[in-house]
Protein backbone atom coordinates (compact mmCIF):
# COMPACT_ATOMS: atom_id res chain seq x y z
CA UNK A 1 -18.04 -18.46 58.00
CA UNK A 2 -21.30 -17.02 59.28
CA UNK A 3 -21.37 -13.25 59.84
CA UNK A 4 -24.14 -11.60 61.84
CA UNK A 5 -25.01 -8.23 63.35
CA UNK A 6 -26.45 -8.02 66.86
CA UNK A 7 -28.64 -5.04 66.01
CA UNK A 8 -30.22 -3.62 62.83
CA UNK A 9 -28.03 -0.54 63.28
CA UNK A 10 -24.98 -2.73 62.66
CA UNK A 11 -26.21 -4.32 59.41
CA UNK A 12 -23.99 -2.07 57.29
CA UNK A 13 -21.02 -2.97 59.49
CA UNK A 14 -21.77 -6.69 59.06
CA UNK A 15 -21.95 -6.23 55.29
CA UNK A 16 -18.57 -4.47 55.40
CA UNK A 17 -17.07 -7.33 57.45
CA UNK A 18 -18.54 -9.97 55.13
CA UNK A 19 -17.11 -8.14 52.11
CA UNK A 20 -13.63 -8.02 53.65
CA UNK A 21 -13.78 -11.75 54.37
CA UNK A 22 -15.06 -12.55 50.86
CA UNK A 23 -12.19 -10.54 49.35
CA UNK A 24 -9.86 -12.87 51.24
CA UNK A 25 -11.44 -15.87 49.56
CA UNK A 26 -13.78 -16.99 52.31
CA UNK A 27 -17.21 -18.54 51.76
CA UNK A 28 -19.52 -16.27 53.76
CA UNK A 29 -23.11 -16.61 54.94
CA UNK A 30 -24.41 -13.20 56.02
CA UNK A 31 -27.34 -13.19 58.45
CA UNK A 32 -29.23 -9.88 58.42
CA UNK A 33 -32.49 -11.12 59.91
CA UNK A 34 -33.23 -10.16 63.50
CA UNK A 35 -32.18 -13.40 65.17
CA UNK A 36 -30.94 -14.14 68.67
CA UNK A 37 -27.23 -15.01 69.00
CA UNK A 38 -28.13 -18.56 70.04
CA UNK A 39 -30.00 -19.04 66.74
CA UNK A 40 -27.06 -17.69 64.74
CA UNK A 41 -24.62 -20.05 66.47
CA UNK A 42 -26.94 -23.02 65.86
CA UNK A 43 -27.27 -21.91 62.22
CA UNK A 44 -23.47 -21.83 61.93
CA UNK A 45 -23.27 -25.32 63.43
CA UNK A 46 -25.93 -26.63 60.99
CA UNK A 47 -23.89 -25.24 58.10
CA UNK A 48 -20.72 -26.80 59.57
CA UNK A 49 -19.15 -23.33 59.51
CA UNK A 50 -15.71 -23.15 61.06
CA UNK A 51 -16.28 -19.66 62.43
CA UNK A 52 -19.04 -17.28 63.45
CA UNK A 53 -18.20 -13.59 63.20
CA UNK A 54 -20.34 -11.43 65.45
CA UNK A 55 -20.63 -7.69 64.95
CA UNK A 56 -21.74 -6.44 68.36
CA UNK A 57 -22.09 -2.84 69.58
CA UNK A 58 -19.36 -2.86 72.25
CA UNK A 59 -16.78 -4.63 70.11
CA UNK A 60 -17.60 -2.60 66.99
CA UNK A 61 -17.28 0.59 69.03
CA UNK A 62 -13.72 -0.48 69.83
CA UNK A 63 -13.00 -1.31 66.18
CA UNK A 64 -13.27 -5.08 66.67
CA UNK A 65 -15.43 -8.03 65.76
CA UNK A 66 -15.82 -11.17 67.87
CA UNK A 67 -14.89 -14.40 66.14
CA UNK A 68 -15.97 -17.74 67.56
CA UNK A 69 -14.19 -20.92 66.50
CA UNK A 70 -17.15 -23.27 66.21
CA UNK A 71 -15.05 -26.41 66.63
CA UNK A 72 -13.13 -25.35 69.70
CA UNK A 73 -15.62 -22.91 71.20
CA UNK A 74 -12.92 -20.26 71.68
CA UNK A 75 -13.72 -16.60 71.04
CA UNK A 76 -11.34 -13.80 70.16
CA UNK A 77 -11.75 -10.15 69.33
CA UNK A 78 -10.07 -9.20 66.06
CA UNK A 79 -9.57 -5.61 64.92
CA UNK A 80 -11.48 -4.87 61.72
CA UNK A 81 -8.26 -3.52 60.22
CA UNK A 82 -6.69 -6.99 60.68
CA UNK A 83 -9.54 -9.08 59.23
CA UNK A 84 -7.75 -9.77 55.94
CA UNK A 85 -4.69 -11.02 57.83
CA UNK A 86 -6.87 -13.16 60.12
CA UNK A 87 -8.69 -14.60 57.11
CA UNK A 88 -5.43 -15.36 55.33
CA UNK A 89 -4.27 -17.37 58.33
CA UNK A 90 -7.55 -19.08 59.29
CA UNK A 91 -9.65 -19.53 56.15
């Protein structure tokens, strides 16, 4: 799983998300460099990551993160409070 923040202001949020996923037993690559989303998704593909977790301002403001299934290309918004449950089912 690759976790990234869209803006430097969301780095602490991305660290929080990565920690929650790690606690659920996931192998996490946390990207904190200022990279464009396209780069992050290509990075996830190069790593053969199953998922990319994107911490973006609009979603985070609603208490969610966006999760992209790299194999299927589908994206879903998952509440931060349900990340452990999502990880238990998908990782």
